[in-house]
Protein backbone atom coordinates (compact mmCIF):
# COMPACT_ATOMS: atom_id res chain seq x y z
CA UNK A 1 -1.08 0.17 38.05
CA UNK A 2 1.39 -1.60 35.76
CA UNK A 3 -0.50 -1.44 32.40
CA UNK A 4 -1.02 2.35 33.24
CA UNK A 5 2.52 2.76 33.45
CA UNK A 6 3.53 0.73 30.39
CA UNK A 7 0.79 3.20 28.58
CA UNK A 8 2.29 6.31 30.13
CA UNK A 9 5.68 5.04 29.42
CA UNK A 10 5.29 3.92 26.01
CA UNK A 11 3.16 6.96 25.09
CA UNK A 12 5.63 9.84 26.23
CA UNK A 13 9.27 8.59 25.86
CA UNK A 14 8.64 6.68 22.65
CA UNK A 15 6.22 9.07 20.98
CA UNK A 16 3.38 6.65 20.39
CA UNK A 17 5.72 4.36 18.46
CA UNK A 18 5.68 1.59 20.46
CA UNK A 19 1.79 1.30 20.94
CA UNK A 20 1.43 -1.92 19.28
CA UNK A 21 3.63 -3.71 21.82
CA UNK A 22 0.50 -3.30 24.00
CA UNK A 23 -2.43 -6.09 23.17
CA UNK A 24 -4.74 -5.46 26.21
CA UNK A 25 -7.31 -2.63 25.78
CA UNK A 26 -8.20 -1.00 29.06
CA UNK A 27 -12.54 -0.74 28.88
CA UNK A 28 -12.87 0.51 32.46
CA UNK A 29 -12.90 4.55 31.38
CA UNK A 30 -15.33 6.63 29.01
CA UNK A 31 -16.27 9.49 27.97
CA UNK A 32 -19.80 10.84 28.43
CA UNK A 33 -20.33 12.96 25.10
CA UNK A 34 -23.86 11.74 24.02
CA UNK A 35 -26.07 13.88 26.42
CA UNK A 36 -26.55 14.44 30.11
CA UNK A 37 -27.43 12.17 32.60
CA UNK A 38 -29.15 11.78 35.93
CA UNK A 39 -28.20 9.73 39.09
CA UNK A 40 -30.47 7.32 41.18
CA UNK A 41 -29.80 9.91 43.55
CA UNK A 42 -30.63 12.85 41.40
CA UNK A 43 -27.29 13.91 40.70
CA UNK A 44 -27.03 15.31 36.95
CA UNK A 45 -23.82 14.38 35.48
CA UNK A 46 -22.78 16.98 32.77
CA UNK A 47 -21.86 16.55 28.94
CA UNK A 48 -18.22 15.92 28.05
CA UNK A 49 -16.98 14.23 31.42
CA UNK A 50 -14.97 11.15 32.29
CA UNK A 51 -16.33 8.03 34.09
CA UNK A 52 -14.59 4.86 35.36
CA UNK A 53 -16.68 1.72 36.25
CA UNK A 54 -16.33 0.77 39.71
CA UNK A 55 -19.41 -1.76 39.79
CA UNK A 56 -21.53 -2.90 37.40
CA UNK A 57 -25.15 -5.43 37.14
CA UNK A 58 -27.54 -6.18 35.09
CA UNK A 59 -29.49 -3.02 35.55
CA UNK A 60 -26.82 -0.28 36.56
CA UNK A 61 -23.53 0.90 36.74
CA UNK A 62 -21.26 2.63 39.72
CA UNK A 63 -18.99 5.32 38.55
CA UNK A 64 -16.28 7.63 39.73
CA UNK A 65 -16.92 10.65 37.40
CA UNK A 66 -14.36 13.53 36.45
CA UNK A 67 -14.33 16.79 34.61
CA UNK A 68 -11.97 17.74 31.94
CA UNK A 69 -9.51 18.99 34.37
CA UNK A 70 -9.49 15.46 35.83
CA UNK A 71 -11.04 16.52 39.33
CA UNK A 72 -13.38 14.30 40.68
CA UNK A 73 -17.04 15.24 40.67
CA UNK A 74 -19.90 14.48 43.13
CA UNK A 75 -17.43 15.25 46.21
CA UNK A 76 -15.83 11.94 44.96
CA UNK A 77 -18.59 9.93 45.76
CA UNK A 78 -19.61 6.87 43.44
CA UNK A 79 -22.60 7.51 41.18
CA UNK A 80 -25.04 4.81 40.11
CA UNK A 81 -27.05 5.13 37.09
CA UNK A 82 -29.12 3.28 34.20
CA UNK A 83 -27.02 0.99 32.40
CA UNK A 84 -28.58 0.96 29.40
CA UNK A 85 -28.39 5.07 29.39
CA UNK A 86 -25.20 5.08 30.56
CA UNK A 87 -23.86 3.11 27.40
CA UNK A 88 -25.84 5.32 25.05
CA UNK A 89 -24.18 8.36 26.24
CA UNK A 90 -20.73 7.15 26.48
CA UNK A 91 -17.74 6.25 24.16
CA UNK A 92 -15.49 3.79 25.31
CA UNK A 93 -11.91 4.84 26.31
CA UNK A 94 -10.25 2.23 24.60
CA UNK A 95 -6.20 2.96 23.82
CA UNK A 96 -6.81 3.97 20.64
CA UNK A 97 -9.23 7.18 21.93
CA UNK A 98 -6.67 7.45 24.89
CA UNK A 99 -3.73 8.12 21.99
CA UNK A 100 -6.10 10.54 20.34
CA UNK A 101 -7.00 12.48 23.46
CA UNK A 102 -3.34 12.81 24.17
CA UNK A 103 -2.58 13.74 20.34
CA UNK A 104 -5.52 16.32 20.38
CA UNK A 105 -3.50 18.06 23.46
CA UNK A 106 -5.31 17.30 26.27
CA UNK A 107 -4.03 18.23 29.71
CA UNK A 108 -1.78 15.46 30.83
CA UNK A 109 -1.94 16.02 33.95
CA UNK A 110 -5.55 15.65 33.80
CA UNK A 111 -5.28 12.26 32.09
CA UNK A 112 -2.92 10.83 34.84
CA UNK A 113 -5.36 11.59 37.56
CA UNK A 114 -8.31 9.78 35.71
CA UNK A 115 -6.13 7.02 35.12
CA UNK A 116 -4.60 6.98 38.66
CA UNK A 117 -7.87 5.50 39.20
CA UNK A 118 -7.38 2.11 38.04
CA UNK A 119 -6.16 0.63 41.18
CA UNK A 120 -9.54 1.74 42.50
CA UNK A 121 -11.27 -0.98 40.20
CA UNK A 122 -9.46 -3.52 41.78
CA UNK A 123 -9.98 -2.58 45.45
CA UNK A 124 -13.73 -2.05 44.73
CA UNK A 125 -15.91 1.21 46.02
CA UNK A 126 -14.38 3.77 48.37
CA UNK A 127 -15.44 3.86 52.04
CA UNK A 128 -16.53 6.91 52.78
CA UNK A 129 -13.57 7.41 55.71
CA UNK A 130 -11.22 6.79 52.50
CA UNK A 131 -12.10 9.56 50.23
CA UNK A 132 -10.25 12.71 50.62
CA UNK A 133 -10.11 15.75 48.42
CA UNK A 134 -7.01 16.95 46.65
CA UNK A 135 -4.75 14.74 44.73
CA UNK A 136 -3.89 10.89 45.46
CA UNK A 137 -0.83 9.87 47.62
CA UNK A 138 1.48 8.91 44.34
CA UNK A 139 -0.15 11.38 41.76
CA UNK A 140 2.79 13.65 41.00
CA UNK A 141 3.48 13.56 36.94
CA UNK A 142 6.95 13.48 37.41
CA UNK A 143 6.41 9.94 39.13
CA UNK A 144 5.40 8.58 35.45
CA UNK A 145 6.79 11.24 33.07
CA UNK A 146 10.14 12.96 33.12
CA UNK A 147 11.90 14.72 30.37
CA UNK A 148 14.80 12.93 28.43
CA UNK A 149 18.20 13.84 28.73
CA UNK A 150 17.78 15.90 25.14
CA UNK A 151 14.43 17.39 26.90
CA UNK A 152 16.22 18.11 29.89
CA UNK A 153 19.41 20.31 28.09
CA UNK A 154 16.91 22.13 25.84
CA UNK A 155 15.14 23.39 29.12
CA UNK A 156 18.37 24.26 30.47
CA UNK A 157 19.53 26.47 27.37
CA UNK A 158 16.34 27.95 26.99
CA UNK A 159 16.38 29.73 30.77
CA UNK A 160 20.09 30.05 30.37
CA UNK A 161 21.98 32.08 28.11
CA UNK A 162 25.62 31.97 29.68
CA UNK A 163 27.38 29.95 26.70
CA UNK A 164 30.11 29.18 28.84
CA UNK A 165 27.96 27.71 31.46
CA UNK A 166 26.16 25.57 29.31
CA UNK A 167 29.33 24.28 27.44
CA UNK A 168 30.42 23.00 30.75
CA UNK A 169 27.29 20.94 31.35
CA UNK A 170 27.32 19.53 27.91
CA UNK A 171 30.79 18.79 28.02
CA UNK A 172 31.27 17.58 31.52
CA UNK A 173 28.33 17.59 33.66
CA UNK A 174 25.92 15.93 31.94
CA UNK A 175 27.91 12.68 31.09
CA UNK A 176 28.97 12.49 34.93
CA UNK A 177 25.06 12.95 35.99
CA UNK A 178 24.36 10.39 33.27
CA UNK A 179 26.44 7.67 34.35
CA UNK A 180 25.77 8.61 37.96
CA UNK A 181 22.14 8.27 37.30
CA UNK A 182 22.64 4.61 35.95
CA UNK A 183 24.24 3.52 39.07
CA UNK A 184 21.61 5.13 41.42
CA UNK A 185 19.00 3.32 39.49
CA UNK A 186 20.63 -0.12 40.19
CA UNK A 187 20.63 0.45 44.06
CA UNK A 188 17.34 1.88 44.49
CA UNK A 189 14.29 -0.28 43.09
CA UNK A 190 11.66 1.11 41.81
CA UNK A 191 12.80 3.94 39.75
CA UNK A 192 14.98 4.10 36.28
CA UNK A 193 18.16 6.11 35.21
CA UNK A 194 16.27 8.50 33.26
CA UNK A 195 14.27 9.75 36.34
CA UNK A 196 17.08 9.75 38.47
CA UNK A 197 18.99 11.84 35.70
CA UNK A 198 15.89 14.36 35.16
CA UNK A 199 15.29 14.41 39.68
CA UNK A 200 19.46 15.09 40.04
CA UNK A 201 20.26 16.95 36.81
CA UNK A 202 17.12 19.29 37.99
CA UNK A 203 18.41 19.53 41.43
CA UNK A 204 22.00 20.50 40.43
CA UNK A 205 20.87 23.11 37.46
CA UNK A 206 18.54 24.83 40.58
CA UNK A 207 21.61 24.77 43.20
CA UNK A 208 24.13 25.60 40.69
CA UNK A 209 22.15 28.68 39.42
CA UNK A 210 21.87 27.13 36.49
CA UNK A 211 25.32 25.63 36.04
CA UNK A 212 27.33 28.55 37.11
CA UNK A 213 28.40 27.11 40.76
CA UNK A 214 29.53 30.23 42.53
CA UNK A 215 29.48 30.76 46.22
CA UNK A 216 26.11 31.59 47.49
CA UNK A 217 25.34 34.19 50.50
CA UNK A 218 25.38 31.16 52.97
CA UNK A 219 28.90 29.98 51.85
CA UNK A 220 27.63 27.08 49.87
CA UNK A 221 29.98 26.94 46.88
CA UNK A 222 30.14 24.71 43.46
CA UNK A 223 27.90 22.56 41.13
CA UNK A 224 26.13 20.65 44.44
CA UNK A 225 26.36 23.99 46.71
CA UNK A 226 28.01 21.98 49.66
CA UNK A 227 27.93 23.50 52.87
CA UNK A 228 30.07 22.91 55.97
CA UNK A 229 27.15 20.63 57.16
CA UNK A 230 26.93 18.83 54.04
CA UNK A 231 30.35 18.27 53.71
CA UNK A 232 30.80 17.06 57.17
CA UNK A 233 27.78 14.33 56.55
CA UNK A 234 29.75 13.00 53.67
CA UNK A 235 33.09 12.57 55.58
CA UNK A 236 31.26 10.93 58.03
CA UNK A 237 29.37 8.35 55.68
CA UNK A 238 32.86 7.80 53.97
CA UNK A 239 34.91 7.50 57.24
CA UNK A 240 32.23 5.09 59.18
CA UNK A 241 33.62 2.55 60.64
CA UNK A 242 31.69 -0.06 63.46
CA UNK A 243 31.02 -3.66 63.93
CA UNK A 244 27.61 -5.74 63.90
CA UNK A 245 27.33 -6.52 67.54
CA UNK A 246 23.65 -5.53 67.64
CA UNK A 247 22.01 -8.57 67.61
CA UNK A 248 23.91 -10.26 70.73
CA UNK A 249 23.66 -6.80 72.51
CA UNK A 250 19.74 -6.80 71.81
CA UNK A 251 19.16 -10.48 72.86
CA UNK A 252 21.04 -9.88 76.27
CA UNK A 253 18.96 -7.00 77.20
CA UNK A 254 15.33 -9.00 75.84
CA UNK A 255 16.46 -11.82 77.80
CA UNK A 256 17.08 -9.47 80.97
CA UNK A 257 13.21 -8.10 80.44
CA UNK A 258 12.08 -11.55 80.73
CA UNK A 259 13.20 -12.15 84.14
CA UNK A 260 10.45 -11.92 86.90
CA UNK A 261 11.72 -9.78 89.45
CA UNK A 262 12.83 -6.94 88.01
CA UNK A 263 12.07 -3.37 89.17
CA UNK A 264 9.88 -0.95 87.11
CA UNK A 265 13.36 1.45 87.09
CA UNK A 266 15.28 -1.20 85.81
CA UNK A 267 12.90 -2.53 83.22
CA UNK A 268 12.53 1.55 81.43
CA UNK A 269 16.46 1.33 81.58
CA UNK A 270 16.62 -1.94 79.49
CA UNK A 271 14.05 -0.36 77.38
CA UNK A 272 16.08 2.76 76.54
CA UNK A 273 19.05 0.83 76.15
CA UNK A 274 17.35 -1.35 73.45
CA UNK A 275 15.81 1.43 71.54
CA UNK A 276 19.36 3.18 71.38
CA UNK A 277 20.71 -0.44 70.07
CA UNK A 278 18.02 -0.41 67.82
CA UNK A 279 19.00 3.32 66.27
CA UNK A 280 22.80 2.24 66.32
CA UNK A 281 21.33 -0.79 64.34
CA UNK A 282 19.71 1.46 61.60
CA UNK A 283 22.74 4.09 61.36
CA UNK A 284 25.01 0.95 60.72
CA UNK A 285 22.76 -0.63 58.08
CA UNK A 286 22.34 3.04 56.70
CA UNK A 287 25.95 3.84 56.08
CA UNK A 288 27.01 0.27 55.10
CA UNK A 289 24.62 0.81 52.51
CA UNK A 290 25.71 4.10 51.47
CA UNK A 291 29.20 3.07 51.74
CA UNK A 292 28.80 0.37 49.36
CA UNK A 293 26.73 2.33 46.75
CA UNK A 294 30.23 4.99 46.66
CA UNK A 295 32.87 1.80 45.99
CA UNK A 296 30.24 0.89 43.18
CA UNK A 297 30.48 4.18 41.31
CA UNK A 298 32.86 4.31 38.71
CA UNK A 299 34.79 7.27 39.43
CA UNK A 300 38.12 8.80 37.85
CA UNK A 301 38.86 10.57 41.13
CA UNK A 302 37.89 9.24 44.58
CA UNK A 303 39.08 11.82 47.33
CA UNK A 304 39.99 10.89 50.69
CA UNK A 305 37.41 12.42 53.71
CA UNK A 306 40.55 14.59 54.80
CA UNK A 307 40.67 16.17 51.45
CA UNK A 308 36.97 17.61 51.14
CA UNK A 309 36.70 20.96 52.13
CA UNK A 310 35.40 24.27 50.72
CA UNK A 311 38.09 24.67 48.11
CA UNK A 312 37.78 21.13 46.73
CA UNK A 313 33.79 21.73 46.16
CA UNK A 314 34.63 24.72 44.51
CA UNK A 315 36.49 23.43 41.88
CA UNK A 316 34.64 22.67 38.82
CA UNK A 317 37.09 19.92 37.80
CA UNK A 318 36.13 17.75 40.58
CA UNK A 319 32.68 17.94 39.29
CA UNK A 320 32.19 13.83 38.99
CA UNK A 321 33.16 13.09 42.27
CA UNK A 322 31.12 16.43 43.66
CA UNK A 323 27.67 14.98 41.80
CA UNK A 324 28.57 11.42 42.94
CA UNK A 325 28.82 13.28 46.61
CA UNK A 326 25.38 15.07 45.40
CA UNK A 327 23.70 11.66 44.83
CA UNK A 328 25.18 9.86 47.93
CA UNK A 329 22.96 12.77 50.00
CA UNK A 330 19.82 12.29 48.32
CA UNK A 331 20.37 8.24 48.77
CA UNK A 332 21.13 9.01 52.35
CA UNK A 333 17.80 10.97 52.92
CA UNK A 334 16.00 8.04 51.30
CA UNK A 335 17.33 5.23 53.19
CA UNK A 336 16.18 7.77 56.05
CA UNK A 337 12.53 8.08 54.95
CA UNK A 338 12.38 4.30 54.81
CA UNK A 339 13.48 3.77 58.13
CA UNK A 340 11.25 6.49 59.82
CA UNK A 341 8.77 4.36 57.65
CA UNK A 342 7.60 7.17 55.10
CA UNK A 343 5.53 5.05 52.74
CA UNK A 344 6.64 6.83 49.54
CA UNK A 345 7.70 5.03 46.15
CA UNK A 346 11.47 5.57 45.32
CA UNK A 347 10.32 8.10 42.65
CA UNK A 348 8.18 10.24 45.19
CA UNK A 349 10.91 9.94 47.78
CA UNK A 350 13.62 10.99 45.27
CA UNK A 351 11.32 14.27 44.58
CA UNK A 352 11.16 14.81 48.37
CA UNK A 353 14.97 14.42 49.09
CA UNK A 354 15.61 17.04 46.40
CA UNK A 355 13.17 19.63 47.85
CA UNK A 356 14.75 18.56 51.39
CA UNK A 357 18.21 18.96 49.98
CA UNK A 358 18.74 22.33 51.41
CA UNK A 359 16.78 22.21 54.53
CA UNK A 360 18.06 18.70 55.36
CA UNK A 361 16.30 15.53 55.68
CA UNK A 362 15.23 16.07 59.43
CA UNK A 363 13.79 19.53 58.81
CA UNK A 364 11.79 18.28 55.77
CA UNK A 365 10.32 15.43 57.48
CA UNK A 366 9.26 17.97 60.47
CA UNK A 367 7.77 20.83 58.67
CA UNK A 368 6.67 19.14 55.22
CA UNK A 369 5.92 15.35 55.71
CA UNK A 370 2.55 14.33 56.96
CA UNK A 371 3.25 12.45 60.44
CA UNK A 372 -0.37 11.76 61.06
CA UNK A 373 -0.84 9.66 57.40
CA UNK A 374 2.96 8.39 56.80
CA UNK A 375 0.93 6.80 53.33
CA UNK A 376 -0.44 9.99 51.98
CA UNK A 377 2.68 11.83 50.71
CA UNK A 378 2.74 13.69 47.45
CA UNK A 379 4.06 17.46 46.17
CA UNK A 380 0.93 19.12 47.17
CA UNK A 381 0.61 18.29 50.70
CA UNK A 382 4.36 19.05 51.73
CA UNK A 383 4.05 22.42 50.09
CA UNK A 384 0.73 22.91 52.33
CA UNK A 385 2.41 21.59 55.66
CA UNK A 386 5.26 24.17 54.65
CA UNK A 387 3.25 26.89 54.22
CA UNK A 388 1.51 26.38 57.79
CA UNK A 389 5.04 25.55 59.42
CA UNK A 390 7.25 28.11 61.16
CA UNK A 391 10.58 27.12 59.40
CA UNK A 392 12.32 30.11 58.18
CA UNK A 393 13.33 27.88 54.78
CA UNK A 394 9.60 27.12 54.28
CA UNK A 395 9.45 29.72 51.37
CA UNK A 396 12.89 28.60 49.82
CA UNK A 397 11.97 24.94 50.09
CA UNK A 398 8.58 25.39 48.45
CA UNK A 399 10.27 27.32 45.56
CA UNK A 400 12.94 24.53 45.43
CA UNK A 401 10.21 21.72 44.99
CA UNK A 402 8.41 23.46 42.56
CA UNK A 403 11.46 24.39 39.99
CA UNK A 404 12.47 20.73 40.70
CA UNK A 405 8.99 19.70 39.60
CA UNK A 406 8.69 22.09 36.84
CA UNK A 407 12.20 21.34 35.43
CA UNK A 408 11.95 17.42 35.51
CA UNK A 409 8.21 17.01 34.30
CA UNK A 410 7.26 16.52 30.70
CA UNK A 411 5.69 18.52 28.13
CA UNK A 412 5.44 21.52 30.07
CA UNK A 413 8.27 23.78 30.11
CA UNK A 414 7.51 26.22 33.04
CA UNK A 415 10.01 28.54 34.37
CA UNK A 416 12.30 27.91 37.68
CA UNK A 417 10.89 30.39 40.40
CA UNK A 418 12.36 33.24 40.11
CA UNK A 419 12.77 32.82 36.64
CA UNK A 420 10.32 34.86 34.00
CA UNK A 421 8.71 32.60 31.73
CA UNK A 422 9.47 35.28 28.78
CA UNK A 423 12.94 34.70 28.86
CA UNK A 424 12.54 31.27 27.18
CA UNK A 425 11.13 31.73 23.82
CA UNK A 426 11.88 28.64 21.95
CA UNK A 427 10.31 26.01 23.79
CA UNK A 428 6.02 25.48 24.29
CA UNK A 429 4.07 25.91 27.11
CA UNK A 430 6.40 28.42 29.47
CA UNK A 431 4.08 30.20 31.10
CA UNK A 432 2.28 28.60 34.30
CA UNK A 433 -0.54 31.51 34.27
CA UNK A 434 -1.95 29.30 30.89
CA UNK A 435 -2.80 26.51 33.54
CA UNK A 436 -4.67 27.41 36.36
CA UNK A 437 -4.12 23.90 37.98
CA UNK A 438 -0.29 24.02 38.10
CA UNK A 439 1.20 24.64 41.61
CA UNK A 440 2.50 28.22 41.56
CA UNK A 441 5.82 29.56 43.11
CA UNK A 442 6.05 31.76 45.82
CA UNK A 443 4.87 35.17 44.78
CA UNK A 444 4.27 34.22 41.27
CA UNK A 445 1.02 35.85 40.30
CA UNK A 446 -1.24 35.45 37.31
CA UNK A 447 -3.33 38.52 36.29
């Protein structure tokens, strides 16, 4: 996967200029353009499809086949065909071919889906029970490809014509978001500052109604749209004080549990005590990490917790510390998912936490996260789970997730939910209906 990420980073972030840095080409992927092929099981592989070799011997190759939209064919099952005829009908997708495909404008989501299968080569053929329909756990475009700061500003300005709001962003909000994103990336392994900048910026753009920051119908205020609940959460983090006595207390309970003459009632009580102490310990570790992050931020104004109220958060002059506190809530959510053992990369978790900004991490965990398979987390699965939930915030949260995803992902410029794509005339790829496979906002229909 390291080669995959290197290729994607170099491709999109430097616009092909640094490809000579990659010496090793990938020969695992092929374009079948020399005619149709038939498998040993009778499956006909159509022309103009893509294949990844899973196994190879003297006479045959076992491949996974994708169409041009990046969707697995043959229900995701490996296909075995003649090695001789496969190579006659196929073109090797070397790095040069890969760049050419991108230059020709092939749907980048398709390419990402195909190339994410590189890891399968290292693991061997998928077992039947491992083959699942739909996107892979980490198969979200933004995971690898996010807009850079200049692309983000173009996106923001295309969907916001209020020059005073855009001026506030350029002069005040953008420098603060950039600086805070750099510190956030240092505090969270596996994510870089540009990715944080995209997600944090798009979150605030969405929350503030495109940098206006007026009070909402729910009473949320300012660029970060802080509610009373969010303000109290920040206060509790900043004022948290506790001593680390957890291990001594745990040792005491475990020692008692080892006693031979112990009633069932006493044993249950000790186990409850252990669970409570572990929960207190997790909270202690979480808050200490958050306080450490807060202290490391280079803020011009570091407000005392007692001064945090609606008036403070409504004042755009406090934008730097407000943006910092928004990032604090994102990190709080990320740590919470880690402690709940939800297996997501920091990049995926950041998108989840941005989506959970209104619903809250607990509500998002309850309504969006796959509880049965904590290692199968992606944008599509969260939306599917939200749609089937009974949460009154499900449509709002789905729109929130899709809007942040659209804003942050590179190459396309689909509008935030609730905004017509005709509003933006200066950027390419603004109509989501031109991409049938793209996620659609609630009530967004294509004719």
